[in-house]
């Protein structure tokens, strides 16, 4: 399923992205093409290696996604688009999540892997004859 950005979406998003001007290492692949590849991967739940070639090399999509996560680009985009949507009255801040329906996996509890030392302790069996181990 294609989820490529519409022209209107691209017009809003483009000014929020880093410059594509040549820097050390050469010119960046087109941001729109790469973002469409990232969106394709997210929409399909696929692995990076499965991103179709029409979006460029999968490594480029992954590296751009990772770099923008680290440098705060994604956070700035989210903040700006959220502020714009809020100003336009498009957000409903009254939404709630009921914790009774959000289940966490048992491994998400933060417990030490393998359980506690006390849980792993197996008591030695006592001899039937006192004084004999």
C-alpha atoms as a PDB file:
ATOM      1  CA  UNK A   1       0.000   0.000   0.000  1.00  0.00           C
ATOM      2  CA  UNK A   2       1.448   3.351  -1.011  1.00  0.00           C
ATOM      3  CA  UNK A   3       1.308   6.109   1.571  1.00  0.00           C
ATOM      4  CA  UNK A   4       3.336   8.710  -0.292  1.00  0.00           C
ATOM      5  CA  UNK A   5       3.052  12.304   0.841  1.00  0.00           C
ATOM      6  CA  UNK A   6       0.526  14.419  -1.005  1.00  0.00           C
ATOM      7  CA  UNK A   7       1.688  17.720  -2.510  1.00  0.00           C
ATOM      8  CA  UNK A   8      -0.128  19.624   0.255  1.00  0.00           C
ATOM      9  CA  UNK A   9       1.559  17.526   2.961  1.00  0.00           C
ATOM     10  CA  UNK A  10       4.945  18.028   1.341  1.00  0.00           C
ATOM     11  CA  UNK A  11       4.465  21.814   1.195  1.00  0.00           C
ATOM     12  CA  UNK A  12       3.885  21.847   4.978  1.00  0.00           C
ATOM     13  CA  UNK A  13       6.717  19.436   5.771  1.00  0.00           C
ATOM     14  CA  UNK A  14       9.541  20.600   3.471  1.00  0.00           C
ATOM     15  CA  UNK A  15      10.444  23.806   5.375  1.00  0.00           C
ATOM     16  CA  UNK A  16      10.853  21.805   8.595  1.00  0.00           C
ATOM     17  CA  UNK A  17      13.566  19.544   7.173  1.00  0.00           C
ATOM     18  CA  UNK A  18      17.336  20.048   7.123  1.00  0.00           C
ATOM     19  CA  UNK A  19      18.842  21.590   4.007  1.00  0.00           C
ATOM     20  CA  UNK A  20      19.682  19.314   1.074  1.00  0.00           C
ATOM     21  CA  UNK A  21      22.551  21.596   0.043  1.00  0.00           C
ATOM     22  CA  UNK A  22      25.764  19.682  -0.637  1.00  0.00           C
ATOM     23  CA  UNK A  23      27.848  19.128   2.482  1.00  0.00           C
ATOM     24  CA  UNK A  24      30.813  16.939   3.311  1.00  0.00           C
ATOM     25  CA  UNK A  25      30.215  13.552   1.779  1.00  0.00           C
ATOM     26  CA  UNK A  26      28.098  14.837  -1.106  1.00  0.00           C
ATOM     27  CA  UNK A  27      24.480  15.710  -1.779  1.00  0.00           C
ATOM     28  CA  UNK A  28      21.603  14.058   0.067  1.00  0.00           C
ATOM     29  CA  UNK A  29      19.031  11.972  -1.756  1.00  0.00           C
ATOM     30  CA  UNK A  30      15.681  13.760  -2.159  1.00  0.00           C
ATOM     31  CA  UNK A  31      14.007  14.152   1.258  1.00  0.00           C
ATOM     32  CA  UNK A  32      10.529  13.496  -0.109  1.00  0.00           C
ATOM     33  CA  UNK A  33      11.540  10.181  -1.651  1.00  0.00           C
ATOM     34  CA  UNK A  34      13.261   9.052   1.565  1.00  0.00           C
ATOM     35  CA  UNK A  35      10.386  10.143   3.829  1.00  0.00           C
ATOM     36  CA  UNK A  36       7.980   8.250   1.591  1.00  0.00           C
ATOM     37  CA  UNK A  37      10.195   5.176   2.095  1.00  0.00           C
ATOM     38  CA  UNK A  38      10.153   5.676   5.872  1.00  0.00           C
ATOM     39  CA  UNK A  39       6.366   6.059   5.827  1.00  0.00           C
ATOM     40  CA  UNK A  40       6.046   2.926   3.690  1.00  0.00           C
ATOM     41  CA  UNK A  41       8.070   0.947   6.218  1.00  0.00           C
ATOM     42  CA  UNK A  42       6.057   2.236   9.185  1.00  0.00           C
ATOM     43  CA  UNK A  43       2.730   1.648   7.447  1.00  0.00           C
ATOM     44  CA  UNK A  44       3.645  -1.914   6.473  1.00  0.00           C
ATOM     45  CA  UNK A  45       5.474  -2.930   9.638  1.00  0.00           C
ATOM     46  CA  UNK A  46       8.264  -4.171   7.408  1.00  0.00           C
ATOM     47  CA  UNK A  47      11.974  -4.484   8.035  1.00  0.00           C
ATOM     48  CA  UNK A  48      14.241  -1.788   6.666  1.00  0.00           C
ATOM     49  CA  UNK A  49      15.656  -4.196   4.068  1.00  0.00           C
ATOM     50  CA  UNK A  50      12.142  -4.614   2.629  1.00  0.00           C
ATOM     51  CA  UNK A  51      11.690  -0.951   1.685  1.00  0.00           C
ATOM     52  CA  UNK A  52      10.971  -0.910  -2.089  1.00  0.00           C
ATOM     53  CA  UNK A  53      13.781   0.349  -4.321  1.00  0.00           C
ATOM     54  CA  UNK A  54      11.570   3.175  -5.653  1.00  0.00           C
ATOM     55  CA  UNK A  55      12.308   4.964  -2.349  1.00  0.00           C
ATOM     56  CA  UNK A  56      16.047   4.620  -2.809  1.00  0.00           C
ATOM     57  CA  UNK A  57      18.420   2.331  -0.969  1.00  0.00           C
ATOM     58  CA  UNK A  58      16.962   1.010   2.285  1.00  0.00           C
ATOM     59  CA  UNK A  59      20.176   2.043   4.046  1.00  0.00           C
ATOM     60  CA  UNK A  60      19.522   5.663   3.109  1.00  0.00           C
ATOM     61  CA  UNK A  61      15.993   5.518   4.542  1.00  0.00           C
ATOM     62  CA  UNK A  62      17.278   3.939   7.755  1.00  0.00           C
ATOM     63  CA  UNK A  63      20.216   6.326   8.150  1.00  0.00           C
ATOM     64  CA  UNK A  64      18.056   9.399   7.561  1.00  0.00           C
ATOM     65  CA  UNK A  65      15.407   8.143   9.998  1.00  0.00           C
ATOM     66  CA  UNK A  66      18.069   7.437  12.626  1.00  0.00           C
ATOM     67  CA  UNK A  67      19.962  10.699  12.105  1.00  0.00           C
ATOM     68  CA  UNK A  68      16.794  12.764  12.374  1.00  0.00           C
ATOM     69  CA  UNK A  69      15.785  10.900  15.524  1.00  0.00           C
ATOM     70  CA  UNK A  70      19.147  11.684  17.107  1.00  0.00           C
ATOM     71  CA  UNK A  71      19.350  15.343  16.073  1.00  0.00           C
ATOM     72  CA  UNK A  72      15.754  16.131  17.082  1.00  0.00           C
ATOM     73  CA  UNK A  73      14.356  16.711  13.588  1.00  0.00           C
ATOM     74  CA  UNK A  74      11.411  14.341  14.124  1.00  0.00           C
ATOM     75  CA  UNK A  75      10.618  15.932  17.496  1.00  0.00           C
ATOM     76  CA  UNK A  76      10.647  19.443  15.950  1.00  0.00           C
ATOM     77  CA  UNK A  77       8.383  18.292  13.110  1.00  0.00           C
ATOM     78  CA  UNK A  78       5.949  16.692  15.560  1.00  0.00           C
ATOM     79  CA  UNK A  79       5.940  19.780  17.798  1.00  0.00           C
ATOM     80  CA  UNK A  80       5.333  22.156  14.885  1.00  0.00           C
ATOM     81  CA  UNK A  81       2.599  20.083  13.234  1.00  0.00           C
ATOM     82  CA  UNK A  82       0.915  19.518  16.583  1.00  0.00           C
ATOM     83  CA  UNK A  83       0.994  23.253  17.359  1.00  0.00           C
ATOM     84  CA  UNK A  84      -0.469  24.042  13.917  1.00  0.00           C
ATOM     85  CA  UNK A  85      -3.230  21.451  14.375  1.00  0.00           C
ATOM     86  CA  UNK A  86      -3.987  22.748  17.869  1.00  0.00           C
ATOM     87  CA  UNK A  87      -4.204  26.338  16.627  1.00  0.00           C
ATOM     88  CA  UNK A  88      -6.625  25.193  13.920  1.00  0.00           C
ATOM     89  CA  UNK A  89      -8.762  23.388  16.514  1.00  0.00           C
ATOM     90  CA  UNK A  90      -8.007  19.998  14.978  1.00  0.00           C
ATOM     91  CA  UNK A  91      -6.806  18.312  18.195  1.00  0.00           C
ATOM     92  CA  UNK A  92      -8.957  16.870  20.941  1.00  0.00           C
ATOM     93  CA  UNK A  93      -6.926  17.108  24.142  1.00  0.00           C
ATOM     94  CA  UNK A  94      -9.667  15.337  26.112  1.00  0.00           C
ATOM     95  CA  UNK A  95      -8.633  11.891  24.854  1.00  0.00           C
ATOM     96  CA  UNK A  96      -7.878   9.373  27.583  1.00  0.00           C
ATOM     97  CA  UNK A  97      -6.386   5.919  27.836  1.00  0.00           C
ATOM     98  CA  UNK A  98      -7.835   3.552  30.403  1.00  0.00           C
ATOM     99  CA  UNK A  99      -4.957   1.709  32.059  1.00  0.00           C
ATOM    100  CA  UNK A 100      -7.161  -1.302  32.661  1.00  0.00           C
ATOM    101  CA  UNK A 101      -7.033  -2.110  28.963  1.00  0.00           C
ATOM    102  CA  UNK A 102      -3.356  -1.354  28.378  1.00  0.00           C
ATOM    103  CA  UNK A 103      -1.602  -4.540  29.309  1.00  0.00           C
ATOM    104  CA  UNK A 104       2.138  -4.769  29.766  1.00  0.00           C
ATOM    105  CA  UNK A 105       4.103  -7.878  29.032  1.00  0.00           C
ATOM    106  CA  UNK A 106       5.547  -9.556  32.108  1.00  0.00           C
ATOM    107  CA  UNK A 107       9.057  -8.727  30.890  1.00  0.00           C
ATOM    108  CA  UNK A 108       8.192  -5.009  30.907  1.00  0.00           C
ATOM    109  CA  UNK A 109       7.931  -4.886  34.689  1.00  0.00           C
ATOM    110  CA  UNK A 110      11.545  -3.834  35.149  1.00  0.00           C
ATOM    111  CA  UNK A 111      12.440  -6.883  37.224  1.00  0.00           C
ATOM    112  CA  UNK A 112      15.947  -8.245  36.948  1.00  0.00           C
ATOM    113  CA  UNK A 113      16.387 -10.869  34.308  1.00  0.00           C
ATOM    114  CA  UNK A 114      16.197 -14.325  35.807  1.00  0.00           C
ATOM    115  CA  UNK A 115      14.298 -13.150  38.883  1.00  0.00           C
ATOM    116  CA  UNK A 116      15.692 -12.258  42.281  1.00  0.00           C
ATOM    117  CA  UNK A 117      18.343 -14.249  44.115  1.00  0.00           C
ATOM    118  CA  UNK A 118      15.748 -15.305  46.660  1.00  0.00           C
ATOM    119  CA  UNK A 119      13.471 -16.664  43.927  1.00  0.00           C
ATOM    120  CA  UNK A 120      16.334 -18.674  42.448  1.00  0.00           C
ATOM    121  CA  UNK A 121      17.417 -20.182  45.751  1.00  0.00           C
ATOM    122  CA  UNK A 122      16.493 -23.819  46.021  1.00  0.00           C
ATOM    123  CA  UNK A 123      16.595 -24.931  49.649  1.00  0.00           C
ATOM    124  CA  UNK A 124      18.752 -27.937  50.328  1.00  0.00           C
ATOM    125  CA  UNK A 125      16.865 -30.960  51.346  1.00  0.00           C
ATOM    126  CA  UNK A 126      17.484 -31.891  54.933  1.00  0.00           C
ATOM    127  CA  UNK A 127      18.642 -35.308  55.789  1.00  0.00           C
ATOM    128  CA  UNK A 128      16.234 -37.542  57.566  1.00  0.00           C
ATOM    129  CA  UNK A 129      19.006 -38.261  60.086  1.00  0.00           C
ATOM    130  CA  UNK A 130      19.988 -35.185  62.128  1.00  0.00           C
ATOM    131  CA  UNK A 131      23.669 -34.306  61.850  1.00  0.00           C
ATOM    132  CA  UNK A 132      24.070 -36.082  58.507  1.00  0.00           C
ATOM    133  CA  UNK A 133      24.066 -33.973  55.360  1.00  0.00           C
END
